[in-house]
Amino acid sequence: MKFVGLSLIALGAAAAAVGCTDAPMTSEEMTGLESSEPGASLPDSADQPEEMADLGSGEFAQCANGDGVPSAMAALAAATAKELGRWNPTVDFAPGTAASNWYTTLTSTGKARCSDGKCWNTQAILDLQKSANNVKLSGVVLNANNFVSQLTSNWNNQKNCELRGGTGDTNCSAEQHKLVFNSQKAGACDTVFTYTATSTTGGNLAAPNQLKNKLLFYGGTSNPYLAFSSTGTTVSIDPTYGLDDDGTTSTATCSAACTKMSATSWAGKCCSCSGKTSTYVKSTVNANTYLCQ
């Protein structure tokens, strides 16, 4: 399993070779840990170490991913940050409805923020809602039905929290911001992506640690793959390896990702999943998703 952590300077996914030993916990079991209250947050930037290497250690390295939903949520947060350049889920996403078969979707506002007008990586992760429980994330089979219901529930939690208004941690306050991909490196359980966080005009944020209040949609503090931390200018998370395109096309070695998302074709390339070496096959749910089969 992989651990995904998030921070204001960096948004990360850890190396695929590192495993975790905690007992699996499903997203349904974690729901009780998360309400619309983000008050039980991680320490803010004043209490956080500057070194991103610490993100996956200690209490961060929980790695509970029993139904695959926590890691999918964290990967969605990483893709959103990289493609849409912000976390504003109640504006950029529409909650699932009966008319949409309960699938959460990107809004026209959200799509307009992406350079391709489609947000290919974000859309590929959303399309996992349509998978027939045949997608593995770090060896764990993703429960597509749980992913569908959790996205809708989390969107509503995010909206209800923001409607309270006011200021402070318990009122979902967060500045309008801009996230720019900075770097990535191996973390304790997966790959850490780092993003520089600024105001919409490029200035410093007054309280970058408050961006955690925009992460209820992605599971908030109950999602062990969202180990949010912040410094004065950055944020970091650690999503599952393979779901967020790193721009690499090298085929010198087999990719250790059960599911690979990429804007370039990986069909037929060597891969390894659950100890088995195979090749990637294009998924039927999204043209940018490849399954190691």
Protein backbone atom coordinates (compact mmCIF):
# COMPACT_ATOMS: atom_id res chain seq x y z
CA MET A 1 0.00 0.00 0.00
CA LYS A 2 1.12 3.57 -0.46
CA PHE A 3 0.81 6.60 1.79
CA VAL A 4 -0.22 9.96 0.43
CA GLY A 5 0.65 13.15 2.22
CA LEU A 6 -0.14 16.75 1.34
CA SER A 7 1.60 20.03 2.16
CA LEU A 8 1.44 23.63 0.96
CA ILE A 9 4.85 23.64 -0.72
CA ALA A 10 4.81 20.10 -1.85
CA LEU A 11 2.23 17.58 -2.93
CA GLY A 12 3.75 14.14 -2.91
CA ALA A 13 3.51 10.49 -3.83
CA ALA A 14 6.02 8.04 -2.20
CA ALA A 15 8.14 5.35 -3.78
CA ALA A 16 6.18 2.34 -4.91
CA ALA A 17 8.58 -0.12 -3.40
CA VAL A 18 7.82 0.92 0.19
CA GLY A 19 5.02 -0.96 1.90
CA CYS A 20 2.93 -0.36 5.05
CA THR A 21 1.93 -2.75 7.75
CA ASP A 22 -1.12 -1.14 9.36
CA ALA A 23 -4.41 -3.06 9.32
CA PRO A 24 -6.56 -2.00 6.36
CA MET A 25 -9.38 0.44 7.02
CA THR A 26 -12.11 1.12 4.52
CA SER A 27 -13.34 4.59 3.65
CA GLU A 28 -16.66 3.68 5.27
CA GLU A 29 -14.93 2.88 8.57
CA MET A 30 -13.09 6.18 8.43
CA THR A 31 -16.26 8.19 7.81
CA GLY A 32 -16.93 8.32 11.55
CA LEU A 33 -13.59 10.03 12.05
CA GLU A 34 -14.49 12.84 9.68
CA SER A 35 -17.38 15.24 10.14
CA SER A 36 -17.85 18.60 8.51
CA GLU A 37 -15.64 19.96 11.30
CA PRO A 38 -12.04 20.39 10.22
CA GLY A 39 -11.11 21.54 13.73
CA ALA A 40 -9.25 18.36 14.61
CA SER A 41 -6.52 19.32 12.19
CA LEU A 42 -2.85 18.59 12.11
CA PRO A 43 -0.53 21.13 13.73
CA ASP A 44 -0.06 24.24 11.65
CA SER A 45 3.13 25.38 10.01
CA ALA A 46 4.66 26.71 13.20
CA ASP A 47 4.78 23.17 14.59
CA GLN A 48 5.80 21.41 11.40
CA PRO A 49 9.38 20.54 10.38
CA GLU A 50 10.70 22.28 7.33
CA GLU A 51 12.02 19.04 5.85
CA MET A 52 9.48 17.30 3.63
CA ALA A 53 11.23 13.97 4.31
CA ASP A 54 9.43 13.81 7.65
CA LEU A 55 5.99 13.75 6.04
CA GLY A 56 5.64 10.01 5.79
CA SER A 57 7.04 9.10 9.21
CA GLY A 58 5.52 8.65 12.63
CA GLU A 59 1.82 9.32 12.82
CA PHE A 60 1.74 10.16 9.10
CA ALA A 61 2.69 6.65 7.98
CA GLN A 62 -0.71 5.05 8.53
CA CYS A 63 -1.31 3.79 5.01
CA ALA A 64 -4.79 2.37 5.72
CA ASN A 65 -6.34 1.77 2.30
CA GLY A 66 -8.66 -1.21 2.65
CA ASP A 67 -11.02 -0.37 -0.23
CA GLY A 68 -8.62 1.78 -2.25
CA VAL A 69 -10.75 4.90 -1.81
CA PRO A 70 -8.36 6.86 0.46
CA SER A 71 -5.49 6.66 -2.04
CA ALA A 72 -7.82 7.50 -4.96
CA MET A 73 -9.02 10.58 -3.09
CA ALA A 74 -5.46 11.72 -2.41
CA ALA A 75 -4.51 11.20 -6.05
CA LEU A 76 -7.51 13.35 -7.01
CA ALA A 77 -6.23 16.10 -4.71
CA ALA A 78 -2.81 15.92 -6.36
CA ALA A 79 -4.24 16.01 -9.88
CA THR A 80 -6.52 18.92 -8.99
CA ALA A 81 -3.63 20.92 -7.60
CA LYS A 82 -1.48 20.29 -10.65
CA GLU A 83 -4.10 20.79 -13.37
CA LEU A 84 -6.57 23.27 -11.87
CA GLY A 85 -3.99 25.11 -9.79
CA ARG A 86 -6.14 25.30 -6.66
CA TRP A 87 -8.41 23.45 -4.24
CA ASN A 88 -11.91 24.81 -4.61
CA PRO A 89 -14.02 21.63 -4.84
CA THR A 90 -17.49 23.14 -4.38
CA VAL A 91 -16.86 25.32 -7.45
CA ASP A 92 -14.78 23.00 -9.60
CA PHE A 93 -16.77 19.81 -8.99
CA ALA A 94 -20.47 18.94 -9.07
CA PRO A 95 -21.81 16.33 -6.62
CA GLY A 96 -23.26 13.07 -7.83
CA THR A 97 -26.96 13.01 -8.65
CA ALA A 98 -29.43 10.41 -9.86
CA ALA A 99 -29.26 11.99 -13.33
CA SER A 100 -25.49 11.43 -13.42
CA ASN A 101 -25.77 7.89 -11.99
CA TRP A 102 -24.41 9.50 -8.82
CA TYR A 103 -21.01 10.16 -10.41
CA THR A 104 -19.22 13.30 -9.22
CA THR A 105 -18.14 15.38 -12.23
CA LEU A 106 -16.00 18.36 -13.16
CA THR A 107 -17.89 21.61 -13.72
CA SER A 108 -17.37 23.83 -16.75
CA THR A 109 -15.59 26.26 -14.41
CA GLY A 110 -13.21 23.54 -13.33
CA LYS A 111 -12.49 22.35 -16.87
CA ALA A 112 -11.79 25.92 -18.00
CA ARG A 113 -8.86 26.08 -15.56
CA CYS A 114 -7.01 23.24 -17.31
CA SER A 115 -4.70 23.86 -20.24
CA ASP A 116 -6.38 21.13 -22.30
CA GLY A 117 -9.91 22.23 -21.35
CA LYS A 118 -10.58 18.70 -20.12
CA CYS A 119 -8.29 18.14 -17.10
CA TRP A 120 -7.26 14.72 -18.42
CA ASN A 121 -5.59 13.45 -15.22
CA THR A 122 -8.35 14.66 -12.91
CA GLN A 123 -10.97 13.21 -15.26
CA ALA A 124 -9.17 9.87 -15.44
CA ILE A 125 -9.33 9.57 -11.65
CA LEU A 126 -13.01 10.57 -11.60
CA ASP A 127 -13.69 7.89 -14.23
CA LEU A 128 -12.56 5.25 -11.73
CA GLN A 129 -16.11 5.67 -10.39
CA LYS A 130 -17.19 3.68 -13.48
CA SER A 131 -14.71 0.84 -13.07
CA ALA A 132 -16.07 -2.64 -12.44
CA ASN A 133 -13.96 -3.26 -9.33
CA ASN A 134 -11.10 -4.37 -11.60
CA VAL A 135 -8.68 -1.55 -10.79
CA LYS A 136 -5.87 -2.11 -8.32
CA LEU A 137 -4.19 0.72 -6.45
CA SER A 138 -0.94 -0.49 -4.94
CA GLY A 139 -2.29 -4.03 -4.94
CA VAL A 140 -5.61 -3.07 -3.31
CA VAL A 141 -8.76 -3.46 -5.40
CA LEU A 142 -10.64 -0.17 -5.63
CA ASN A 143 -14.28 -0.46 -4.56
CA ALA A 144 -15.87 1.75 -7.22
CA ASN A 145 -19.23 1.95 -5.44
CA ASN A 146 -17.58 3.21 -2.26
CA PHE A 147 -15.63 5.75 -4.31
CA VAL A 148 -18.88 7.04 -5.87
CA SER A 149 -20.69 7.41 -2.55
CA GLN A 150 -17.70 8.86 -0.70
CA LEU A 151 -17.15 11.59 -3.31
CA THR A 152 -20.79 12.70 -3.02
CA SER A 153 -20.74 12.59 0.77
CA ASN A 154 -17.45 14.49 0.97
CA TRP A 155 -18.66 17.19 -1.45
CA ASN A 156 -21.69 17.77 0.78
CA ASN A 157 -19.50 17.92 3.90
CA GLN A 158 -17.29 20.50 2.19
CA LYS A 159 -20.28 22.62 1.12
CA ASN A 160 -21.97 22.50 4.52
CA CYS A 161 -18.75 23.49 6.25
CA GLU A 162 -18.19 26.46 3.94
CA LEU A 163 -21.78 27.65 4.37
CA ARG A 164 -21.17 28.26 8.07
CA GLY A 165 -19.00 31.24 7.25
CA GLY A 166 -16.91 32.97 9.88
CA THR A 167 -13.21 32.59 10.49
CA GLY A 168 -10.89 30.08 12.09
CA ASP A 169 -10.22 26.37 11.69
CA THR A 170 -13.78 25.30 12.53
CA ASN A 171 -15.33 27.51 9.87
CA CYS A 172 -13.54 26.31 6.75
CA SER A 173 -11.84 29.62 6.15
CA ALA A 174 -9.17 29.59 3.45
CA GLU A 175 -7.73 32.26 1.20
CA GLN A 176 -8.18 32.28 -2.55
CA HIS A 177 -4.94 30.78 -3.75
CA LYS A 178 -2.83 29.45 -6.58
CA LEU A 179 -0.90 26.18 -6.54
CA VAL A 180 2.05 25.63 -8.87
CA PHE A 181 3.79 22.28 -9.17
CA ASN A 182 7.23 22.54 -7.62
CA SER A 183 8.80 19.08 -7.36
CA GLN A 184 8.37 15.47 -6.39
CA LYS A 185 10.45 12.97 -4.47
CA ALA A 186 10.19 9.62 -2.76
CA GLY A 187 8.30 9.63 0.51
CA ALA A 188 7.88 7.09 3.31
CA CYS A 189 5.05 5.20 1.61
CA ASP A 190 4.71 6.68 -1.88
CA THR A 191 5.69 9.79 -3.90
CA VAL A 192 5.49 13.30 -2.46
CA PHE A 193 4.38 16.09 -4.80
CA THR A 194 5.27 19.63 -3.75
CA TYR A 195 3.38 22.77 -4.75
CA THR A 196 4.20 26.40 -4.16
CA ALA A 197 1.15 28.11 -2.67
CA THR A 198 0.56 31.83 -3.24
CA SER A 199 -2.28 34.30 -3.46
CA THR A 200 -4.02 34.56 -6.82
CA THR A 201 -1.75 37.51 -7.66
CA GLY A 202 1.44 35.70 -6.66
CA GLY A 203 1.89 37.19 -3.20
CA ASN A 204 2.34 35.35 0.08
CA LEU A 205 -0.65 33.78 1.79
CA ALA A 206 -1.42 35.06 5.28
CA ALA A 207 -2.30 31.57 6.54
CA PRO A 208 -1.24 28.80 4.14
CA ASN A 209 -2.00 26.17 6.78
CA GLN A 210 -5.71 27.03 6.38
CA LEU A 211 -5.76 25.39 2.95
CA LYS A 212 -6.38 22.15 4.84
CA ASN A 213 -9.96 23.40 5.15
CA LYS A 214 -10.40 22.87 1.41
CA LEU A 215 -9.53 19.18 1.69
CA LEU A 216 -12.74 17.81 3.21
CA PHE A 217 -13.76 16.83 -0.30
CA TYR A 218 -10.69 14.61 -0.53
CA GLY A 219 -11.25 12.98 2.86
CA GLY A 220 -9.79 15.62 5.18
CA THR A 221 -8.04 14.55 8.36
CA SER A 222 -9.68 11.11 8.32
CA ASN A 223 -7.85 10.20 5.09
CA PRO A 224 -4.43 8.81 6.08
CA TYR A 225 -3.19 9.48 2.54
CA LEU A 226 -3.68 13.22 3.04
CA ALA A 227 -0.99 13.97 5.60
CA PHE A 228 -1.37 17.71 5.19
CA SER A 229 1.41 19.98 6.34
CA SER A 230 2.47 23.46 5.40
CA THR A 231 5.37 25.82 5.56
CA GLY A 232 5.21 29.53 4.86
CA THR A 233 4.99 29.03 1.12
CA THR A 234 4.18 25.40 0.32
CA VAL A 235 1.84 22.38 0.73
CA SER A 236 2.46 18.60 0.32
CA ILE A 237 0.54 15.33 -0.18
CA ASP A 238 1.59 11.75 -0.98
CA PRO A 239 -0.79 10.04 -3.45
CA THR A 240 -0.53 6.52 -4.84
CA TYR A 241 2.23 6.02 -7.37
CA GLY A 242 1.03 5.87 -10.96
CA LEU A 243 -2.22 7.84 -10.68
CA ASP A 244 -0.64 11.27 -11.08
CA ASP A 245 1.42 11.65 -14.24
CA ASP A 246 5.06 12.45 -13.51
CA GLY A 247 5.87 13.15 -17.12
CA THR A 248 8.24 10.15 -17.38
CA THR A 249 8.12 7.94 -20.40
CA SER A 250 11.19 5.81 -19.73
CA THR A 251 10.76 2.08 -20.32
CA ALA A 252 14.19 0.99 -19.08
CA THR A 253 12.60 -0.84 -16.15
CA CYS A 254 9.16 -2.17 -15.29
CA SER A 255 6.80 0.31 -13.66
CA ALA A 256 5.76 -0.79 -10.16
CA ALA A 257 2.24 0.63 -10.54
CA CYS A 258 -0.84 -1.59 -10.84
CA THR A 259 -2.67 1.32 -12.48
CA LYS A 260 -0.91 3.97 -14.55
CA MET A 261 -2.41 7.23 -15.79
CA SER A 262 -0.56 9.11 -18.51
CA ALA A 263 -1.15 11.51 -21.38
CA THR A 264 1.17 9.31 -23.47
CA SER A 265 0.53 5.64 -24.26
CA TRP A 266 1.79 2.97 -21.87
CA ALA A 267 0.05 0.10 -23.67
CA GLY A 268 2.32 -2.93 -23.89
CA LYS A 269 4.98 -1.52 -21.54
CA CYS A 270 6.38 -3.64 -18.74
CA CYS A 271 4.73 -3.39 -15.32
CA SER A 272 4.64 -5.17 -11.98
CA CYS A 273 1.55 -5.56 -9.76
CA SER A 274 1.16 -7.68 -6.61
CA GLY A 275 4.44 -9.42 -7.37
CA LYS A 276 3.45 -10.35 -10.90
CA THR A 277 5.25 -8.97 -13.97
CA SER A 278 3.04 -8.19 -16.94
CA THR A 279 2.28 -5.42 -19.43
CA TYR A 280 -0.12 -2.47 -19.44
CA VAL A 281 -3.48 -2.69 -21.18
CA LYS A 282 -5.62 0.38 -21.89
CA SER A 283 -8.62 0.63 -19.58
CA THR A 284 -12.12 0.71 -21.02
CA VAL A 285 -13.24 3.50 -18.68
CA ASN A 286 -10.68 6.11 -19.73
CA ALA A 287 -8.21 6.34 -22.64
CA ASN A 288 -5.48 7.72 -20.35
CA THR A 289 -5.67 4.88 -17.84
CA TYR A 290 -3.62 1.68 -18.18
CA LEU A 291 -4.03 -1.48 -16.09
CA CYS A 292 -1.23 -3.94 -15.35
CA GLN A 293 -2.79 -7.24 -16.45
